[in-house]
Amino acid sequence: MQETSKQYDNVINECRSLFIKKMSDYGSAWRILRLPSLTDQIFIKAQRIRQLQENDTRKVDEGENSEFIGIINYSIMALIQLEKGVVENPDLNVTEAKILYDKHSNVTKELMLNKNHDYGEAWRDMRVSSLTDLIIQKLLRVKQIEDNKGETIVSEGIDANYQDMINYAIFAMIHLAE
């Protein structure tokens, strides 16, 4: 599991680096996005990955990795939006955004470590396509919860689904690197 933790950190550092660079370029314009908009952005990324996995021909020279990074970063943005709420105007500087990014990525990593312990690293025997399908399934669950205005009877909340998507995307990136 120590190797998983190191690989996880390598992936999250790559994602964080891109997030910070985009924050420097665009500021926190994403703070105006409502959760369904972020969910739809993640859905678009996951659907593109699925198409890349199913099609032999690519018309845009970007692979699965950049889309998984997008899923991770948009999911962290969604977790930040859940915590702070949606705003009318960008309100975070790079330093504040880094702190929030790190907070949510650390909580999500802790969840992964706990689940990884209980499941015995079962994800290592999974295919990237299965991880993609699980991300899409989580997205459909989030969409349903959003349509139900956040109400659930027995299910975990939206935040847990975003965290699972982050972890599945990181697992997929680890597989792709191996």
N, C-alpha and C. Protein backbone atom coordinates (compact mmCIF):
# COMPACT_ATOMS: atom_id res chain seq x y z
N MET A 1 0.81 -1.20 0.00
CA MET A 1 0.00 0.00 0.00
C MET A 1 0.85 1.27 0.00
N GLN A 2 2.08 1.15 0.44
CA GLN A 2 2.98 2.30 0.44
C GLN A 2 3.24 2.77 -1.00
N GLU A 3 3.36 1.82 -1.92
CA GLU A 3 3.55 2.18 -3.32
C GLU A 3 2.33 2.92 -3.86
N THR A 4 1.15 2.46 -3.48
CA THR A 4 -0.08 3.13 -3.91
C THR A 4 -0.11 4.57 -3.42
N SER A 5 0.28 4.78 -2.17
CA SER A 5 0.28 6.13 -1.62
C SER A 5 1.22 7.04 -2.40
N LYS A 6 2.40 6.54 -2.74
CA LYS A 6 3.36 7.34 -3.51
C LYS A 6 2.84 7.61 -4.92
N GLN A 7 2.28 6.59 -5.58
CA GLN A 7 1.73 6.77 -6.92
C GLN A 7 0.56 7.76 -6.89
N TYR A 8 -0.27 7.65 -5.86
CA TYR A 8 -1.40 8.55 -5.69
C TYR A 8 -0.89 9.99 -5.59
N ASP A 9 0.11 10.20 -4.75
CA ASP A 9 0.67 11.54 -4.57
C ASP A 9 1.24 12.09 -5.88
N ASN A 10 1.89 11.24 -6.66
CA ASN A 10 2.43 11.68 -7.95
C ASN A 10 1.33 12.17 -8.88
N VAL A 11 0.23 11.43 -8.93
CA VAL A 11 -0.89 11.83 -9.80
C VAL A 11 -1.52 13.12 -9.28
N ILE A 12 -1.80 13.19 -7.98
CA ILE A 12 -2.46 14.38 -7.45
C ILE A 12 -1.56 15.60 -7.60
N ASN A 13 -0.25 15.43 -7.51
CA ASN A 13 0.66 16.56 -7.71
C ASN A 13 0.62 17.06 -9.16
N GLU A 14 0.51 16.14 -10.10
CA GLU A 14 0.37 16.53 -11.51
C GLU A 14 -0.92 17.31 -11.72
N CYS A 15 -2.01 16.83 -11.13
CA CYS A 15 -3.30 17.50 -11.26
C CYS A 15 -3.29 18.86 -10.59
N ARG A 16 -2.71 18.92 -9.40
CA ARG A 16 -2.62 20.17 -8.64
C ARG A 16 -1.80 21.21 -9.40
N SER A 17 -0.71 20.78 -10.00
CA SER A 17 0.14 21.69 -10.77
C SER A 17 -0.65 22.34 -11.91
N LEU A 18 -1.42 21.54 -12.64
CA LEU A 18 -2.23 22.09 -13.73
C LEU A 18 -3.32 23.02 -13.17
N PHE A 19 -3.95 22.61 -12.07
CA PHE A 19 -4.97 23.44 -11.43
C PHE A 19 -4.40 24.82 -11.08
N ILE A 20 -3.22 24.85 -10.48
CA ILE A 20 -2.60 26.11 -10.07
C ILE A 20 -2.25 26.97 -11.29
N LYS A 21 -1.72 26.34 -12.33
CA LYS A 21 -1.39 27.08 -13.55
C LYS A 21 -2.65 27.70 -14.16
N LYS A 22 -3.74 26.94 -14.18
CA LYS A 22 -4.99 27.47 -14.73
C LYS A 22 -5.56 28.56 -13.82
N MET A 23 -5.39 28.41 -12.51
CA MET A 23 -5.82 29.48 -11.59
C MET A 23 -5.04 30.75 -11.88
N SER A 24 -3.75 30.62 -12.19
CA SER A 24 -2.92 31.78 -12.50
C SER A 24 -3.39 32.44 -13.80
N ASP A 25 -3.80 31.63 -14.77
CA ASP A 25 -4.26 32.16 -16.06
C ASP A 25 -5.67 32.74 -15.99
N TYR A 26 -6.58 32.02 -15.34
CA TYR A 26 -8.01 32.36 -15.40
C TYR A 26 -8.60 32.88 -14.10
N GLY A 27 -7.84 32.80 -13.01
CA GLY A 27 -8.41 33.14 -11.72
C GLY A 27 -9.41 32.07 -11.30
N SER A 28 -10.30 32.44 -10.41
CA SER A 28 -11.28 31.46 -9.92
C SER A 28 -12.64 31.63 -10.59
N ALA A 29 -12.62 31.85 -11.90
CA ALA A 29 -13.88 32.00 -12.65
C ALA A 29 -14.80 30.80 -12.45
N TRP A 30 -14.23 29.63 -12.18
CA TRP A 30 -15.02 28.41 -11.97
C TRP A 30 -15.91 28.52 -10.73
N ARG A 31 -15.64 29.46 -9.85
CA ARG A 31 -16.44 29.59 -8.62
C ARG A 31 -17.88 29.98 -8.89
N ILE A 32 -18.18 30.45 -10.09
CA ILE A 32 -19.57 30.81 -10.42
C ILE A 32 -20.38 29.60 -10.88
N LEU A 33 -19.70 28.47 -11.11
CA LEU A 33 -20.38 27.27 -11.62
C LEU A 33 -21.22 26.60 -10.53
N ARG A 34 -22.45 26.30 -10.88
CA ARG A 34 -23.31 25.53 -9.98
C ARG A 34 -22.91 24.06 -10.09
N LEU A 35 -23.26 23.27 -9.07
CA LEU A 35 -22.86 21.86 -9.05
C LEU A 35 -23.29 21.10 -10.30
N PRO A 36 -24.53 21.26 -10.79
CA PRO A 36 -24.89 20.53 -12.01
C PRO A 36 -23.99 20.86 -13.20
N SER A 37 -23.50 22.10 -13.27
CA SER A 37 -22.58 22.47 -14.35
C SER A 37 -21.25 21.73 -14.22
N LEU A 38 -20.75 21.64 -12.99
CA LEU A 38 -19.51 20.89 -12.76
C LEU A 38 -19.72 19.40 -13.04
N THR A 39 -20.85 18.88 -12.60
CA THR A 39 -21.17 17.47 -12.87
C THR A 39 -21.21 17.21 -14.37
N ASP A 40 -21.80 18.12 -15.12
CA ASP A 40 -21.87 17.96 -16.57
C ASP A 40 -20.48 18.03 -17.21
N GLN A 41 -19.61 18.88 -16.70
CA GLN A 41 -18.24 18.95 -17.21
C GLN A 41 -17.51 17.61 -16.99
N ILE A 42 -17.70 17.06 -15.80
CA ILE A 42 -17.08 15.76 -15.49
C ILE A 42 -17.67 14.68 -16.39
N PHE A 43 -18.96 14.75 -16.61
CA PHE A 43 -19.64 13.77 -17.46
C PHE A 43 -19.08 13.81 -18.88
N ILE A 44 -18.87 15.02 -19.40
CA ILE A 44 -18.30 15.17 -20.75
C ILE A 44 -16.92 14.52 -20.81
N LYS A 45 -16.10 14.75 -19.78
CA LYS A 45 -14.76 14.15 -19.74
C LYS A 45 -14.85 12.62 -19.72
N ALA A 46 -15.72 12.09 -18.87
CA ALA A 46 -15.86 10.63 -18.75
C ALA A 46 -16.39 10.01 -20.06
N GLN A 47 -17.34 10.67 -20.69
CA GLN A 47 -17.86 10.17 -21.96
C GLN A 47 -16.78 10.18 -23.04
N ARG A 48 -15.95 11.22 -23.04
CA ARG A 48 -14.85 11.27 -24.03
C ARG A 48 -13.87 10.14 -23.79
N ILE A 49 -13.55 9.86 -22.53
CA ILE A 49 -12.66 8.73 -22.23
C ILE A 49 -13.26 7.44 -22.76
N ARG A 50 -14.54 7.26 -22.52
CA ARG A 50 -15.20 6.03 -22.99
C ARG A 50 -15.14 5.93 -24.52
N GLN A 51 -15.34 7.05 -25.20
CA GLN A 51 -15.24 7.06 -26.66
C GLN A 51 -13.82 6.74 -27.11
N LEU A 52 -12.83 7.30 -26.42
CA LEU A 52 -11.44 7.01 -26.76
C LEU A 52 -11.14 5.52 -26.59
N GLN A 53 -11.72 4.92 -25.56
CA GLN A 53 -11.51 3.50 -25.29
C GLN A 53 -12.19 2.61 -26.32
N GLU A 54 -13.27 3.11 -26.90
CA GLU A 54 -14.05 2.29 -27.85
C GLU A 54 -13.69 2.54 -29.31
N ASN A 55 -13.14 3.71 -29.62
CA ASN A 55 -12.86 4.05 -31.01
C ASN A 55 -11.37 3.94 -31.31
N ASP A 56 -11.06 3.49 -32.52
CA ASP A 56 -9.68 3.39 -32.94
C ASP A 56 -9.16 4.71 -33.50
N THR A 57 -10.05 5.54 -34.05
CA THR A 57 -9.66 6.79 -34.69
C THR A 57 -9.86 7.95 -33.74
N ARG A 58 -8.85 8.83 -33.66
CA ARG A 58 -8.93 10.03 -32.84
C ARG A 58 -8.72 11.25 -33.72
N LYS A 59 -9.59 12.24 -33.58
CA LYS A 59 -9.47 13.46 -34.36
C LYS A 59 -8.84 14.59 -33.56
N VAL A 60 -8.76 14.44 -32.25
CA VAL A 60 -8.10 15.41 -31.38
C VAL A 60 -6.95 14.68 -30.70
N ASP A 61 -5.77 15.29 -30.75
CA ASP A 61 -4.58 14.61 -30.23
C ASP A 61 -4.42 14.79 -28.73
N GLU A 62 -5.39 14.28 -27.98
CA GLU A 62 -5.31 14.25 -26.52
C GLU A 62 -5.78 12.87 -26.08
N GLY A 63 -5.09 12.31 -25.13
CA GLY A 63 -5.43 10.97 -24.68
C GLY A 63 -6.29 10.98 -23.43
N GLU A 64 -6.38 9.81 -22.84
CA GLU A 64 -7.21 9.62 -21.66
C GLU A 64 -6.66 10.37 -20.45
N ASN A 65 -5.34 10.46 -20.33
CA ASN A 65 -4.74 11.09 -19.14
C ASN A 65 -5.28 12.49 -18.90
N SER A 66 -5.30 13.32 -19.94
CA SER A 66 -5.75 14.71 -19.75
C SER A 66 -7.21 14.76 -19.33
N GLU A 67 -8.00 13.81 -19.79
CA GLU A 67 -9.41 13.77 -19.40
C GLU A 67 -9.56 13.30 -17.95
N PHE A 68 -8.75 12.32 -17.53
CA PHE A 68 -8.80 11.90 -16.13
C PHE A 68 -8.36 13.04 -15.20
N ILE A 69 -7.35 13.81 -15.64
CA ILE A 69 -6.94 14.98 -14.86
C ILE A 69 -8.11 15.96 -14.73
N GLY A 70 -8.83 16.15 -15.82
CA GLY A 70 -10.00 17.02 -15.78
C GLY A 70 -11.05 16.53 -14.80
N ILE A 71 -11.28 15.22 -14.79
CA ILE A 71 -12.25 14.64 -13.84
C ILE A 71 -11.81 14.92 -12.41
N ILE A 72 -10.54 14.72 -12.14
CA ILE A 72 -10.02 14.94 -10.79
C ILE A 72 -10.17 16.40 -10.39
N ASN A 73 -9.73 17.30 -11.25
CA ASN A 73 -9.77 18.72 -10.90
C ASN A 73 -11.19 19.27 -10.82
N TYR A 74 -12.06 18.90 -11.74
CA TYR A 74 -13.45 19.35 -11.64
C TYR A 74 -14.14 18.77 -10.41
N SER A 75 -13.79 17.55 -10.04
CA SER A 75 -14.39 16.95 -8.83
C SER A 75 -13.92 17.69 -7.58
N ILE A 76 -12.66 18.08 -7.54
CA ILE A 76 -12.18 18.86 -6.40
C ILE A 76 -12.86 20.23 -6.38
N MET A 77 -13.04 20.83 -7.55
CA MET A 77 -13.77 22.10 -7.60
C MET A 77 -15.19 21.92 -7.05
N ALA A 78 -15.82 20.81 -7.40
CA ALA A 78 -17.18 20.54 -6.91
C ALA A 78 -17.19 20.41 -5.39
N LEU A 79 -16.19 19.73 -4.85
CA LEU A 79 -16.10 19.60 -3.39
C LEU A 79 -15.91 20.97 -2.73
N ILE A 80 -15.12 21.82 -3.37
CA ILE A 80 -14.95 23.18 -2.85
C ILE A 80 -16.27 23.95 -2.92
N GLN A 81 -16.99 23.79 -4.03
CA GLN A 81 -18.29 24.46 -4.17
C GLN A 81 -19.27 23.97 -3.10
N LEU A 82 -19.25 22.66 -2.82
CA LEU A 82 -20.11 22.13 -1.77
C LEU A 82 -19.79 22.78 -0.42
N GLU A 83 -18.53 22.97 -0.17
CA GLU A 83 -18.10 23.57 1.10
C GLU A 83 -18.41 25.06 1.17
N LYS A 84 -18.07 25.79 0.12
CA LYS A 84 -18.11 27.25 0.17
C LYS A 84 -19.35 27.87 -0.46
N GLY A 85 -20.06 27.09 -1.29
CA GLY A 85 -21.21 27.64 -2.00
C GLY A 85 -20.79 28.32 -3.29
N VAL A 86 -21.75 28.54 -4.14
CA VAL A 86 -21.52 29.18 -5.43
C VAL A 86 -21.54 30.69 -5.22
N VAL A 87 -20.71 31.41 -5.96
CA VAL A 87 -20.64 32.86 -5.85
C VAL A 87 -20.98 33.51 -7.19
N GLU A 88 -21.29 34.79 -7.13
CA GLU A 88 -21.60 35.56 -8.35
C GLU A 88 -20.35 36.02 -9.08
N ASN A 89 -19.26 36.21 -8.32
CA ASN A 89 -18.01 36.69 -8.89
C ASN A 89 -16.85 35.88 -8.32
N PRO A 90 -15.81 35.66 -9.10
CA PRO A 90 -14.64 34.93 -8.59
C PRO A 90 -14.14 35.56 -7.29
N ASP A 91 -13.83 34.72 -6.30
CA ASP A 91 -13.49 35.25 -4.98
C ASP A 91 -12.27 34.60 -4.33
N LEU A 92 -11.58 33.70 -5.04
CA LEU A 92 -10.42 33.04 -4.45
C LEU A 92 -9.15 33.44 -5.17
N ASN A 93 -8.10 33.69 -4.40
CA ASN A 93 -6.81 33.88 -5.03
C ASN A 93 -6.11 32.52 -5.09
N VAL A 94 -4.96 32.47 -5.72
CA VAL A 94 -4.25 31.21 -5.92
C VAL A 94 -3.92 30.55 -4.58
N THR A 95 -3.47 31.33 -3.62
CA THR A 95 -3.09 30.77 -2.31
C THR A 95 -4.29 30.12 -1.62
N GLU A 96 -5.43 30.81 -1.60
CA GLU A 96 -6.64 30.25 -0.98
C GLU A 96 -7.09 28.99 -1.71
N ALA A 97 -7.03 29.03 -3.03
CA ALA A 97 -7.46 27.88 -3.82
C ALA A 97 -6.55 26.68 -3.57
N LYS A 98 -5.25 26.91 -3.45
CA LYS A 98 -4.31 25.81 -3.14
C LYS A 98 -4.65 25.16 -1.80
N ILE A 99 -4.95 25.98 -0.81
CA ILE A 99 -5.28 25.46 0.52
C ILE A 99 -6.53 24.58 0.44
N LEU A 100 -7.54 25.05 -0.26
CA LEU A 100 -8.79 24.27 -0.41
C LEU A 100 -8.55 23.01 -1.23
N TYR A 101 -7.77 23.13 -2.29
CA TYR A 101 -7.45 21.97 -3.13
C TYR A 101 -6.76 20.90 -2.27
N ASP A 102 -5.76 21.32 -1.51
CA ASP A 102 -5.02 20.38 -0.68
C ASP A 102 -5.91 19.75 0.38
N LYS A 103 -6.77 20.55 0.98
CA LYS A 103 -7.68 20.03 2.00
C LYS A 103 -8.54 18.91 1.43
N HIS A 104 -9.16 19.15 0.29
CA HIS A 104 -10.07 18.16 -0.29
C HIS A 104 -9.32 16.97 -0.89
N SER A 105 -8.15 17.20 -1.45
CA SER A 105 -7.39 16.06 -1.97
C SER A 105 -6.86 15.20 -0.82
N ASN A 106 -6.51 15.80 0.30
CA ASN A 106 -6.04 15.03 1.45
C ASN A 106 -7.16 14.19 2.08
N VAL A 107 -8.34 14.77 2.21
CA VAL A 107 -9.49 14.02 2.75
C VAL A 107 -9.83 12.86 1.82
N THR A 108 -9.77 13.12 0.52
CA THR A 108 -10.08 12.08 -0.46
C THR A 108 -9.02 10.99 -0.45
N LYS A 109 -7.76 11.35 -0.28
CA LYS A 109 -6.71 10.34 -0.18
C LYS A 109 -6.91 9.48 1.06
N GLU A 110 -7.26 10.08 2.16
CA GLU A 110 -7.51 9.33 3.41
C GLU A 110 -8.64 8.31 3.20
N LEU A 111 -9.69 8.73 2.49
CA LEU A 111 -10.78 7.80 2.16
C LEU A 111 -10.24 6.65 1.32
N MET A 112 -9.42 6.96 0.33
CA MET A 112 -8.83 5.92 -0.52
C MET A 112 -8.00 4.95 0.31
N LEU A 113 -7.18 5.46 1.19
CA LEU A 113 -6.33 4.58 2.01
C LEU A 113 -7.18 3.64 2.86
N ASN A 114 -8.24 4.16 3.44
CA ASN A 114 -9.12 3.33 4.27
C ASN A 114 -9.83 2.26 3.44
N LYS A 115 -10.37 2.67 2.29
CA LYS A 115 -11.05 1.70 1.42
C LYS A 115 -10.05 0.70 0.83
N ASN A 116 -8.89 1.20 0.46
CA ASN A 116 -7.86 0.34 -0.11
C ASN A 116 -7.44 -0.73 0.88
N HIS A 117 -7.36 -0.36 2.13
CA HIS A 117 -7.04 -1.33 3.18
C HIS A 117 -8.13 -2.39 3.26
N ASP A 118 -9.39 -1.96 3.29
CA ASP A 118 -10.50 -2.89 3.45
C ASP A 118 -10.72 -3.77 2.22
N TYR A 119 -10.46 -3.22 1.03
CA TYR A 119 -10.68 -3.98 -0.21
C TYR A 119 -9.42 -4.70 -0.70
N GLY A 120 -8.31 -4.51 -0.04
CA GLY A 120 -7.09 -5.21 -0.42
C GLY A 120 -6.56 -4.84 -1.79
N GLU A 121 -6.64 -3.57 -2.15
CA GLU A 121 -6.15 -3.07 -3.44
C GLU A 121 -6.78 -3.81 -4.64
N ALA A 122 -8.04 -4.11 -4.52
CA ALA A 122 -8.75 -4.81 -5.60
C ALA A 122 -8.69 -4.03 -6.92
N TRP A 123 -8.59 -2.71 -6.85
CA TRP A 123 -8.56 -1.89 -8.06
C TRP A 123 -7.39 -2.25 -8.96
N ARG A 124 -6.33 -2.81 -8.40
CA ARG A 124 -5.16 -3.16 -9.22
C ARG A 124 -5.48 -4.25 -10.23
N ASP A 125 -6.53 -5.04 -9.96
CA ASP A 125 -6.94 -6.10 -10.89
C ASP A 125 -8.04 -5.64 -11.84
N MET A 126 -8.42 -4.38 -11.74
CA MET A 126 -9.48 -3.85 -12.61
C MET A 126 -8.88 -3.26 -13.87
N ARG A 127 -9.70 -3.19 -14.90
CA ARG A 127 -9.32 -2.56 -16.16
C ARG A 127 -9.63 -1.06 -16.09
N VAL A 128 -8.90 -0.28 -16.87
CA VAL A 128 -9.16 1.16 -16.95
C VAL A 128 -10.59 1.39 -17.46
N SER A 129 -11.06 0.56 -18.37
CA SER A 129 -12.42 0.71 -18.89
C SER A 129 -13.45 0.50 -17.79
N SER A 130 -13.19 -0.40 -16.86
CA SER A 130 -14.12 -0.61 -15.74
C SER A 130 -14.12 0.59 -14.81
N LEU A 131 -12.95 1.16 -14.57
CA LEU A 131 -12.88 2.36 -13.74
C LEU A 131 -13.63 3.52 -14.40
N THR A 132 -13.52 3.61 -15.72
CA THR A 132 -14.27 4.63 -16.46
C THR A 132 -15.77 4.43 -16.28
N ASP A 133 -16.21 3.19 -16.41
CA ASP A 133 -17.64 2.90 -16.24
C ASP A 133 -18.11 3.23 -14.83
N LEU A 134 -17.28 2.95 -13.84
CA LEU A 134 -17.66 3.29 -12.45
C LEU A 134 -17.77 4.81 -12.26
N ILE A 135 -16.90 5.56 -12.92
CA ILE A 135 -16.99 7.02 -12.85
C ILE A 135 -18.31 7.48 -13.46
N ILE A 136 -18.66 6.92 -14.61
CA ILE A 136 -19.92 7.30 -15.25
C ILE A 136 -21.11 6.91 -14.38
N GLN A 137 -21.05 5.74 -13.76
CA GLN A 137 -22.12 5.33 -12.85
C GLN A 137 -22.25 6.33 -11.69
N LYS A 138 -21.13 6.74 -11.11
CA LYS A 138 -21.15 7.73 -10.03
C LYS A 138 -21.75 9.05 -10.52
N LEU A 139 -21.41 9.44 -11.74
CA LEU A 139 -21.97 10.67 -12.30
C LEU A 139 -23.47 10.58 -12.45
N LEU A 140 -23.96 9.45 -12.91
CA LEU A 140 -25.40 9.28 -13.05
C LEU A 140 -26.08 9.32 -11.68
N ARG A 141 -25.43 8.79 -10.66
CA ARG A 141 -25.97 8.88 -9.30
C ARG A 141 -26.02 10.33 -8.84
N VAL A 142 -24.94 11.07 -9.08
CA VAL A 142 -24.91 12.48 -8.69
C VAL A 142 -26.00 13.25 -9.40
N LYS A 143 -26.17 13.00 -10.69
CA LYS A 143 -27.23 13.69 -11.44
C LYS A 143 -28.59 13.40 -10.83
N GLN A 144 -28.83 12.16 -10.44
CA GLN A 144 -30.11 11.80 -9.83
C GLN A 144 -30.29 12.51 -8.50
N ILE A 145 -29.24 12.55 -7.69
CA ILE A 145 -29.32 13.25 -6.40
C ILE A 145 -29.56 14.74 -6.64
N GLU A 146 -28.90 15.31 -7.64
CA GLU A 146 -29.13 16.73 -7.97
C GLU A 146 -30.57 16.95 -8.40
N ASP A 147 -31.09 16.03 -9.23
CA ASP A 147 -32.49 16.14 -9.66
C ASP A 147 -33.45 16.01 -8.48
N ASN A 148 -33.03 15.28 -7.45
CA ASN A 148 -33.84 15.12 -6.23
C ASN A 148 -33.57 16.24 -5.22
N LYS A 149 -32.89 17.31 -5.68
CA LYS A 149 -32.55 18.46 -4.85
C LYS A 149 -31.74 18.08 -3.62
N GLY A 150 -30.84 17.10 -3.80
CA GLY A 150 -29.94 16.70 -2.74
C GLY A 150 -30.49 15.70 -1.74
N GLU A 151 -31.75 15.35 -1.89
CA GLU A 151 -32.38 14.42 -0.94
C GLU A 151 -32.04 12.98 -1.28
N THR A 152 -31.64 12.23 -0.26
CA THR A 152 -31.44 10.79 -0.41
C THR A 152 -32.11 10.09 0.77
N ILE A 153 -32.46 8.83 0.58
CA ILE A 153 -33.09 8.06 1.65
C ILE A 153 -32.04 7.25 2.40
N VAL A 154 -31.24 6.49 1.66
CA VAL A 154 -30.23 5.64 2.29
C VAL A 154 -28.84 5.81 1.68
N SER A 155 -28.73 6.61 0.66
CA SER A 155 -27.48 6.71 -0.10
C SER A 155 -26.53 7.73 0.50
N GLU A 156 -25.24 7.53 0.19
CA GLU A 156 -24.23 8.52 0.58
C GLU A 156 -24.49 9.81 -0.20
N GLY A 157 -23.92 10.88 0.25
CA GLY A 157 -24.16 12.17 -0.37
C GLY A 157 -23.34 12.40 -1.63
N ILE A 158 -23.54 13.56 -2.20
CA ILE A 158 -22.85 13.93 -3.42
C ILE A 158 -21.34 13.97 -3.20
N ASP A 159 -20.91 14.47 -2.04
CA ASP A 159 -19.48 14.60 -1.80
C ASP A 159 -18.76 13.26 -1.88
N ALA A 160 -19.35 12.21 -1.33
CA ALA A 160 -18.74 10.88 -1.38
C ALA A 160 -18.61 10.38 -2.82
N ASN A 161 -19.57 10.72 -3.65
CA ASN A 161 -19.51 10.31 -5.06
C ASN A 161 -18.39 11.04 -5.79
N TYR A 162 -18.23 12.34 -5.53
CA TYR A 162 -17.12 13.09 -6.14
C TYR A 162 -15.79 12.50 -5.67
N GLN A 163 -15.69 12.17 -4.39
CA GLN A 163 -14.45 11.58 -3.88
C GLN A 163 -14.16 10.25 -4.55
N ASP A 164 -15.17 9.42 -4.72
CA ASP A 164 -14.97 8.14 -5.41
C ASP A 164 -14.51 8.36 -6.85
N MET A 165 -15.08 9.36 -7.53
CA MET A 165 -14.67 9.64 -8.91
C MET A 165 -13.19 10.05 -8.96
N ILE A 166 -12.78 10.88 -8.00
CA ILE A 166 -11.37 11.27 -7.94
C ILE A 166 -10.50 10.03 -7.78
N ASN A 167 -10.87 9.17 -6.85
CA ASN A 167 -10.05 7.99 -6.59
C ASN A 167 -10.03 7.03 -7.78
N TYR A 168 -11.17 6.83 -8.43
CA TYR A 168 -11.18 5.96 -9.61
C TYR A 168 -10.32 6.54 -10.73
N ALA A 169 -10.39 7.86 -10.91
CA ALA A 169 -9.59 8.51 -11.96
C ALA A 169 -8.09 8.39 -11.65
N ILE A 170 -7.74 8.54 -10.38
CA ILE A 170 -6.34 8.39 -10.00
C ILE A 170 -5.89 6.96 -10.23
N PHE A 171 -6.70 5.98 -9.86
CA PHE A 171 -6.36 4.57 -10.12
C PHE A 171 -6.16 4.34 -11.61
N ALA A 172 -7.02 4.92 -12.43
CA ALA A 172 -6.90 4.76 -13.89
C ALA A 172 -5.58 5.35 -14.37
N MET A 173 -5.21 6.51 -13.86
CA MET A 173 -3.95 7.13 -14.28
C MET A 173 -2.75 6.31 -13.84
N ILE A 174 -2.83 5.71 -12.67
CA ILE A 174 -1.76 4.82 -12.20
C ILE A 174 -1.64 3.63 -13.16
N HIS A 175 -2.78 3.05 -13.52
CA HIS A 175 -2.75 1.92 -14.48
C HIS A 175 -2.13 2.35 -15.81
N LEU A 176 -2.55 3.50 -16.32
CA LEU A 176 -2.05 3.98 -17.61
C LEU A 176 -0.54 4.24 -17.59
N ALA A 177 -0.02 4.61 -16.43
CA ALA A 177 1.42 4.88 -16.31
C ALA A 177 2.23 3.60 -16.21
N GLU A 178 1.58 2.50 -15.84
CA GLU A 178 2.33 1.25 -15.62
C GLU A 178 2.52 0.48 -16.88
